[in-house]
Amino acid sequence: MPKRSRKPADLNRLAASIVREATDPDHDPYEGKNPAAVELGRLGGGKGGKARAAKLSAEQRSGIARKAAAARWGDRA
C-alpha cells in the first residue's frame, strides 16, 4: 500500500496554503467539496477504528500490534 501524505508535492503550493491559513481565518478548507460526502466521511471515519477494535479478540489485537512493531522496527528491535 502506498504511503500517503497530506502535504502537497509542490513546495510552492505548501507555502501558499500555510500563508493562506495563517492570514485568512475565515478560509473554509471544505470549500468546493460535496457537503454530503464530507459529512459521510466524518461519520464513518470517527467510528471505523473503534468498531474494528471492538470486534477483534485480545489475541488478534496483540498479533496485529506485534506485526506492526516488526514492520516499524524491523532488525533494530
PDB file of N, CA and C in Angstrom:
ATOM      1  N   MET A   1       0.842  -1.166   0.000  1.00  0.00           N
ATOM      2  CA  MET A   1       0.000   0.000   0.000  1.00  0.00           C
ATOM      3  C   MET A   1       0.892   1.235   0.000  1.00  0.00           C
ATOM      4  N   PRO A   2       0.639   2.209  -0.880  1.00  0.00           N
ATOM      5  CA  PRO A   2       1.496   3.388  -0.931  1.00  0.00           C
ATOM      6  C   PRO A   2       1.284   4.274   0.284  1.00  0.00           C
ATOM      7  N   LYS A   3       2.358   4.921   0.700  1.00  0.00           N
ATOM      8  CA  LYS A   3       2.242   5.856   1.811  1.00  0.00           C
ATOM      9  C   LYS A   3       1.618   7.135   1.284  1.00  0.00           C
ATOM     10  N   ARG A   4       0.778   7.735   2.087  1.00  0.00           N
ATOM     11  CA  ARG A   4       0.100   8.950   1.664  1.00  0.00           C
ATOM     12  C   ARG A   4       0.526  10.100   2.556  1.00  0.00           C
ATOM     13  N   SER A   5       0.565  11.252   1.978  1.00  0.00           N
ATOM     14  CA  SER A   5       0.956  12.436   2.712  1.00  0.00           C
ATOM     15  C   SER A   5      -0.087  13.523   2.481  1.00  0.00           C
ATOM     16  N   ARG A   6      -0.336  14.297   3.486  1.00  0.00           N
ATOM     17  CA  ARG A   6      -1.320  15.359   3.357  1.00  0.00           C
ATOM     18  C   ARG A   6      -0.706  16.612   2.751  1.00  0.00           C
ATOM     19  N   LYS A   7       0.607  16.726   2.774  1.00  0.00           N
ATOM     20  CA  LYS A   7       1.217  17.931   2.223  1.00  0.00           C
ATOM     21  C   LYS A   7       1.293  17.838   0.700  1.00  0.00           C
ATOM     22  N   PRO A   8       1.154  18.968   0.030  1.00  0.00           N
ATOM     23  CA  PRO A   8       1.254  18.957  -1.430  1.00  0.00           C
ATOM     24  C   PRO A   8       2.668  18.600  -1.874  1.00  0.00           C
ATOM     25  N   ALA A   9       2.795  17.976  -3.019  1.00  0.00           N
ATOM     26  CA  ALA A   9       4.099  17.601  -3.533  1.00  0.00           C
ATOM     27  C   ALA A   9       4.901  18.833  -3.918  1.00  0.00           C
ATOM     28  N   ASP A  10       4.238  19.895  -4.327  1.00  0.00           N
ATOM     29  CA  ASP A  10       4.895  21.124  -4.742  1.00  0.00           C
ATOM     30  C   ASP A  10       5.094  22.027  -3.527  1.00  0.00           C
ATOM     31  N   LEU A  11       6.336  22.407  -3.262  1.00  0.00           N
ATOM     32  CA  LEU A  11       6.615  23.236  -2.087  1.00  0.00           C
ATOM     33  C   LEU A  11       5.983  24.621  -2.184  1.00  0.00           C
ATOM     34  N   ASN A  12       5.824  25.136  -3.402  1.00  0.00           N
ATOM     35  CA  ASN A  12       5.170  26.436  -3.560  1.00  0.00           C
ATOM     36  C   ASN A  12       3.711  26.370  -3.131  1.00  0.00           C
ATOM     37  N   ARG A  13       3.044  25.266  -3.456  1.00  0.00           N
ATOM     38  CA  ARG A  13       1.648  25.112  -3.024  1.00  0.00           C
ATOM     39  C   ARG A  13       1.560  24.966  -1.503  1.00  0.00           C
ATOM     40  N   LEU A  14       2.517  24.243  -0.927  1.00  0.00           N
ATOM     41  CA  LEU A  14       2.541  24.085   0.524  1.00  0.00           C
ATOM     42  C   LEU A  14       2.715  25.443   1.190  1.00  0.00           C
ATOM     43  N   ALA A  15       3.660  26.241   0.697  1.00  0.00           N
ATOM     44  CA  ALA A  15       3.886  27.572   1.258  1.00  0.00           C
ATOM     45  C   ALA A  15       2.650  28.447   1.106  1.00  0.00           C
ATOM     46  N   ALA A  16       2.007  28.393  -0.053  1.00  0.00           N
ATOM     47  CA  ALA A  16       0.810  29.194  -0.274  1.00  0.00           C
ATOM     48  C   ALA A  16      -0.314  28.779   0.670  1.00  0.00           C
ATOM     49  N   SER A  17      -0.464  27.480   0.902  1.00  0.00           N
ATOM     50  CA  SER A  17      -1.531  27.032   1.800  1.00  0.00           C
ATOM     51  C   SER A  17      -1.256  27.446   3.241  1.00  0.00           C
ATOM     52  N   ILE A  18       0.020  27.434   3.640  1.00  0.00           N
ATOM     53  CA  ILE A  18       0.366  27.857   5.001  1.00  0.00           C
ATOM     54  C   ILE A  18       0.072  29.350   5.179  1.00  0.00           C
ATOM     55  N   VAL A  19       0.460  30.154   4.203  1.00  0.00           N
ATOM     56  CA  VAL A  19       0.208  31.590   4.271  1.00  0.00           C
ATOM     57  C   VAL A  19      -1.290  31.863   4.279  1.00  0.00           C
ATOM     58  N   ARG A  20      -2.045  31.156   3.421  1.00  0.00           N
ATOM     59  CA  ARG A  20      -3.494  31.362   3.348  1.00  0.00           C
ATOM     60  C   ARG A  20      -4.152  31.023   4.691  1.00  0.00           C
ATOM     61  N   GLU A  21      -3.751  29.925   5.312  1.00  0.00           N
ATOM     62  CA  GLU A  21      -4.347  29.546   6.592  1.00  0.00           C
ATOM     63  C   GLU A  21      -3.968  30.518   7.700  1.00  0.00           C
ATOM     64  N   ALA A  22      -2.746  31.053   7.637  1.00  0.00           N
ATOM     65  CA  ALA A  22      -2.291  31.969   8.677  1.00  0.00           C
ATOM     66  C   ALA A  22      -2.923  33.353   8.547  1.00  0.00           C
ATOM     67  N   THR A  23      -3.230  33.765   7.332  1.00  0.00           N
ATOM     68  CA  THR A  23      -3.716  35.128   7.130  1.00  0.00           C
ATOM     69  C   THR A  23      -5.222  35.234   6.922  1.00  0.00           C
ATOM     70  N   ASP A  24      -5.889  34.147   6.617  1.00  0.00           N
ATOM     71  CA  ASP A  24      -7.327  34.189   6.342  1.00  0.00           C
ATOM     72  C   ASP A  24      -8.062  33.284   7.326  1.00  0.00           C
ATOM     73  N   PRO A  25      -8.496  33.838   8.468  1.00  0.00           N
ATOM     74  CA  PRO A  25      -9.159  32.999   9.474  1.00  0.00           C
ATOM     75  C   PRO A  25     -10.518  32.467   9.015  1.00  0.00           C
ATOM     76  N   ASP A  26     -11.118  33.091   7.999  1.00  0.00           N
ATOM     77  CA  ASP A  26     -12.428  32.651   7.523  1.00  0.00           C
ATOM     78  C   ASP A  26     -12.330  31.624   6.406  1.00  0.00           C
ATOM     79  N   HIS A  27     -11.118  31.199   6.073  1.00  0.00           N
ATOM     80  CA  HIS A  27     -10.933  30.229   4.985  1.00  0.00           C
ATOM     81  C   HIS A  27     -11.583  28.893   5.361  1.00  0.00           C
ATOM     82  N   ASP A  28     -12.405  28.389   4.481  1.00  0.00           N
ATOM     83  CA  ASP A  28     -13.081  27.111   4.698  1.00  0.00           C
ATOM     84  C   ASP A  28     -12.340  26.008   3.943  1.00  0.00           C
ATOM     85  N   PRO A  29     -11.686  25.061   4.646  1.00  0.00           N
ATOM     86  CA  PRO A  29     -10.943  24.011   3.943  1.00  0.00           C
ATOM     87  C   PRO A  29     -11.848  23.074   3.144  1.00  0.00           C
ATOM     88  N   TYR A  30     -13.159  23.094   3.415  1.00  0.00           N
ATOM     89  CA  TYR A  30     -14.090  22.208   2.714  1.00  0.00           C
ATOM     90  C   TYR A  30     -14.764  22.902   1.535  1.00  0.00           C
ATOM     91  N   GLU A  31     -14.347  24.114   1.223  1.00  0.00           N
ATOM     92  CA  GLU A  31     -14.938  24.862   0.125  1.00  0.00           C
ATOM     93  C   GLU A  31     -14.720  24.121  -1.192  1.00  0.00           C
ATOM     94  N   GLY A  32     -15.799  23.967  -1.961  1.00  0.00           N
ATOM     95  CA  GLY A  32     -15.708  23.285  -3.243  1.00  0.00           C
ATOM     96  C   GLY A  32     -15.925  21.785  -3.152  1.00  0.00           C
ATOM     97  N   LYS A  33     -16.090  21.262  -1.956  1.00  0.00           N
ATOM     98  CA  LYS A  33     -16.328  19.828  -1.786  1.00  0.00           C
ATOM     99  C   LYS A  33     -17.810  19.572  -1.569  1.00  0.00           C
ATOM    100  N   ASN A  34     -18.229  18.380  -1.896  1.00  0.00           N
ATOM    101  CA  ASN A  34     -19.620  17.996  -1.723  1.00  0.00           C
ATOM    102  C   ASN A  34     -19.914  17.881  -0.223  1.00  0.00           C
ATOM    103  N   PRO A  35     -20.816  18.699   0.330  1.00  0.00           N
ATOM    104  CA  PRO A  35     -21.086  18.669   1.769  1.00  0.00           C
ATOM    105  C   PRO A  35     -21.586  17.306   2.262  1.00  0.00           C
ATOM    106  N   ALA A  36     -22.354  16.606   1.433  1.00  0.00           N
ATOM    107  CA  ALA A  36     -22.852  15.290   1.841  1.00  0.00           C
ATOM    108  C   ALA A  36     -21.696  14.304   1.973  1.00  0.00           C
ATOM    109  N   ALA A  37     -20.739  14.372   1.061  1.00  0.00           N
ATOM    110  CA  ALA A  37     -19.588  13.468   1.119  1.00  0.00           C
ATOM    111  C   ALA A  37     -18.702  13.790   2.322  1.00  0.00           C
ATOM    112  N   VAL A  38     -18.542  15.075   2.614  1.00  0.00           N
ATOM    113  CA  VAL A  38     -17.745  15.477   3.777  1.00  0.00           C
ATOM    114  C   VAL A  38     -18.390  14.949   5.053  1.00  0.00           C
ATOM    115  N   GLU A  39     -19.695  15.093   5.150  1.00  0.00           N
ATOM    116  CA  GLU A  39     -20.405  14.632   6.343  1.00  0.00           C
ATOM    117  C   GLU A  39     -20.326  13.116   6.492  1.00  0.00           C
ATOM    118  N   LEU A  40     -20.467  12.390   5.390  1.00  0.00           N
ATOM    119  CA  LEU A  40     -20.356  10.938   5.450  1.00  0.00           C
ATOM    120  C   LEU A  40     -18.968  10.519   5.890  1.00  0.00           C
ATOM    121  N   GLY A  41     -17.958  11.216   5.410  1.00  0.00           N
ATOM    122  CA  GLY A  41     -16.593  10.904   5.810  1.00  0.00           C
ATOM    123  C   GLY A  41     -16.376  11.132   7.293  1.00  0.00           C
ATOM    124  N   ARG A  42     -16.959  12.182   7.811  1.00  0.00           N
ATOM    125  CA  ARG A  42     -16.833  12.454   9.242  1.00  0.00           C
ATOM    126  C   ARG A  42     -17.554  11.391  10.067  1.00  0.00           C
ATOM    127  N   LEU A  43     -18.709  10.970   9.601  1.00  0.00           N
ATOM    128  CA  LEU A  43     -19.489   9.984  10.356  1.00  0.00           C
ATOM    129  C   LEU A  43     -18.770   8.645  10.416  1.00  0.00           C
ATOM    130  N   GLY A  44     -18.330   8.156   9.268  1.00  0.00           N
ATOM    131  CA  GLY A  44     -17.696   6.847   9.226  1.00  0.00           C
ATOM    132  C   GLY A  44     -16.286   6.849   9.762  1.00  0.00           C
ATOM    133  N   GLY A  45     -15.543   7.929   9.514  1.00  0.00           N
ATOM    134  CA  GLY A  45     -14.149   7.984   9.932  1.00  0.00           C
ATOM    135  C   GLY A  45     -13.985   7.979  11.433  1.00  0.00           C
ATOM    136  N   GLY A  46     -14.931   8.545  12.133  1.00  0.00           N
ATOM    137  CA  GLY A  46     -14.819   8.624  13.580  1.00  0.00           C
ATOM    138  C   GLY A  46     -15.029   7.314  14.297  1.00  0.00           C
ATOM    139  N   LYS A  47     -15.739   6.390  13.675  1.00  0.00           N
ATOM    140  CA  LYS A  47     -16.034   5.141  14.377  1.00  0.00           C
ATOM    141  C   LYS A  47     -15.377   3.916  13.766  1.00  0.00           C
ATOM    142  N   GLY A  48     -14.702   4.065  12.649  1.00  0.00           N
ATOM    143  CA  GLY A  48     -14.133   2.911  11.956  1.00  0.00           C
ATOM    144  C   GLY A  48     -13.153   2.106  12.776  1.00  0.00           C
ATOM    145  N   GLY A  49     -12.128   2.752  13.305  1.00  0.00           N
ATOM    146  CA  GLY A  49     -11.104   2.042  14.066  1.00  0.00           C
ATOM    147  C   GLY A  49     -11.636   1.470  15.367  1.00  0.00           C
ATOM    148  N   LYS A  50     -12.487   2.225  16.016  1.00  0.00           N
ATOM    149  CA  LYS A  50     -13.044   1.769  17.289  1.00  0.00           C
ATOM    150  C   LYS A  50     -13.942   0.552  17.087  1.00  0.00           C
ATOM    151  N   ALA A  51     -14.738   0.573  16.017  1.00  0.00           N
ATOM    152  CA  ALA A  51     -15.627  -0.556  15.741  1.00  0.00           C
ATOM    153  C   ALA A  51     -14.816  -1.800  15.393  1.00  0.00           C
ATOM    154  N   ARG A  52     -13.747  -1.612  14.623  1.00  0.00           N
ATOM    155  CA  ARG A  52     -12.904  -2.757  14.256  1.00  0.00           C
ATOM    156  C   ARG A  52     -12.219  -3.333  15.496  1.00  0.00           C
ATOM    157  N   ALA A  53     -11.711  -2.457  16.364  1.00  0.00           N
ATOM    158  CA  ALA A  53     -11.037  -2.932  17.568  1.00  0.00           C
ATOM    159  C   ALA A  53     -12.004  -3.680  18.485  1.00  0.00           C
ATOM    160  N   ALA A  54     -13.252  -3.245  18.527  1.00  0.00           N
ATOM    161  CA  ALA A  54     -14.233  -3.903  19.388  1.00  0.00           C
ATOM    162  C   ALA A  54     -14.553  -5.314  18.902  1.00  0.00           C
ATOM    163  N   LYS A  55     -14.443  -5.547  17.596  1.00  0.00           N
ATOM    164  CA  LYS A  55     -14.745  -6.869  17.047  1.00  0.00           C
ATOM    165  C   LYS A  55     -13.599  -7.859  17.217  1.00  0.00           C
ATOM    166  N   LEU A  56     -12.371  -7.356  17.396  1.00  0.00           N
ATOM    167  CA  LEU A  56     -11.214  -8.239  17.484  1.00  0.00           C
ATOM    168  C   LEU A  56     -11.042  -8.772  18.895  1.00  0.00           C
ATOM    169  N   SER A  57     -10.541  -9.984  18.987  1.00  0.00           N
ATOM    170  CA  SER A  57     -10.219 -10.544  20.298  1.00  0.00           C
ATOM    171  C   SER A  57      -8.886  -9.962  20.760  1.00  0.00           C
ATOM    172  N   ALA A  58      -8.577 -10.126  22.033  1.00  0.00           N
ATOM    173  CA  ALA A  58      -7.314  -9.623  22.574  1.00  0.00           C
ATOM    174  C   ALA A  58      -6.126 -10.282  21.867  1.00  0.00           C
ATOM    175  N   GLU A  59      -6.266 -11.547  21.528  1.00  0.00           N
ATOM    176  CA  GLU A  59      -5.192 -12.264  20.844  1.00  0.00           C
ATOM    177  C   GLU A  59      -4.968 -11.704  19.429  1.00  0.00           C
ATOM    178  N   GLN A  60      -6.065 -11.391  18.743  1.00  0.00           N
ATOM    179  CA  GLN A  60      -5.945 -10.815  17.400  1.00  0.00           C
ATOM    180  C   GLN A  60      -5.310  -9.431  17.447  1.00  0.00           C
ATOM    181  N   ARG A  61      -5.740  -8.597  18.400  1.00  0.00           N
ATOM    182  CA  ARG A  61      -5.160  -7.263  18.537  1.00  0.00           C
ATOM    183  C   ARG A  61      -3.669  -7.346  18.846  1.00  0.00           C
ATOM    184  N   SER A  62      -3.294  -8.293  19.693  1.00  0.00           N
ATOM    185  CA  SER A  62      -1.890  -8.465  20.036  1.00  0.00           C
ATOM    186  C   SER A  62      -1.072  -8.874  18.820  1.00  0.00           C
ATOM    187  N   GLY A  63      -1.628  -9.761  18.005  1.00  0.00           N
ATOM    188  CA  GLY A  63      -0.940 -10.190  16.788  1.00  0.00           C
ATOM    189  C   GLY A  63      -0.756  -9.039  15.807  1.00  0.00           C
ATOM    190  N   ILE A  64      -1.781  -8.202  15.665  1.00  0.00           N
ATOM    191  CA  ILE A  64      -1.696  -7.046  14.773  1.00  0.00           C
ATOM    192  C   ILE A  64      -0.637  -6.069  15.290  1.00  0.00           C
ATOM    193  N   ALA A  65      -0.630  -5.842  16.592  1.00  0.00           N
ATOM    194  CA  ALA A  65       0.351  -4.925  17.180  1.00  0.00           C
ATOM    195  C   ALA A  65       1.765  -5.474  17.021  1.00  0.00           C
ATOM    196  N   ARG A  66       1.927  -6.766  17.182  1.00  0.00           N
ATOM    197  CA  ARG A  66       3.244  -7.398  17.029  1.00  0.00           C
ATOM    198  C   ARG A  66       3.743  -7.238  15.588  1.00  0.00           C
ATOM    199  N   LYS A  67       2.845  -7.458  14.631  1.00  0.00           N
ATOM    200  CA  LYS A  67       3.209  -7.327  13.221  1.00  0.00           C
ATOM    201  C   LYS A  67       3.569  -5.874  12.890  1.00  0.00           C
ATOM    202  N   ALA A  68       2.813  -4.920  13.449  1.00  0.00           N
ATOM    203  CA  ALA A  68       3.093  -3.506  13.205  1.00  0.00           C
ATOM    204  C   ALA A  68       4.440  -3.107  13.798  1.00  0.00           C
ATOM    205  N   ALA A  69       4.746  -3.593  14.989  1.00  0.00           N
ATOM    206  CA  ALA A  69       6.033  -3.275  15.611  1.00  0.00           C
ATOM    207  C   ALA A  69       7.188  -3.863  14.801  1.00  0.00           C
ATOM    208  N   ALA A  70       6.999  -5.076  14.293  1.00  0.00           N
ATOM    209  CA  ALA A  70       8.043  -5.693  13.472  1.00  0.00           C
ATOM    210  C   ALA A  70       8.252  -4.916  12.179  1.00  0.00           C
ATOM    211  N   ALA A  71       7.166  -4.435  11.589  1.00  0.00           N
ATOM    212  CA  ALA A  71       7.287  -3.653  10.355  1.00  0.00           C
ATOM    213  C   ALA A  71       7.966  -2.312  10.622  1.00  0.00           C
ATOM    214  N   ARG A  72       7.677  -1.737  11.771  1.00  0.00           N
ATOM    215  CA  ARG A  72       8.269  -0.425  12.079  1.00  0.00           C
ATOM    216  C   ARG A  72       9.727  -0.555  12.475  1.00  0.00           C
ATOM    217  N   TRP A  73      10.036  -1.471  13.345  1.00  0.00           N
ATOM    218  CA  TRP A  73      11.374  -1.546  13.905  1.00  0.00           C
ATOM    219  C   TRP A  73      12.280  -2.531  13.168  1.00  0.00           C
ATOM    220  N   GLY A  74      11.700  -3.535  12.532  1.00  0.00           N
ATOM    221  CA  GLY A  74      12.486  -4.476  11.733  1.00  0.00           C
ATOM    222  C   GLY A  74      13.636  -5.099  12.500  1.00  0.00           C
ATOM    223  N   ASP A  75      14.833  -4.919  11.987  1.00  0.00           N
ATOM    224  CA  ASP A  75      16.024  -5.526  12.593  1.00  0.00           C
ATOM    225  C   ASP A  75      16.537  -4.752  13.812  1.00  0.00           C
ATOM    226  N   ARG A  76      16.017  -3.566  14.039  1.00  0.00           N
ATOM    227  CA  ARG A  76      16.530  -2.737  15.143  1.00  0.00           C
ATOM    228  C   ARG A  76      16.093  -3.226  16.501  1.00  0.00           C
ATOM    229  N   ALA A  77      14.999  -3.943  16.571  1.00  0.00           N
ATOM    230  CA  ALA A  77      14.488  -4.351  17.892  1.00  0.00           C
ATOM    231  C   ALA A  77      15.027  -5.704  18.302  1.00  0.00           C
TER     232      ALA A  77
END
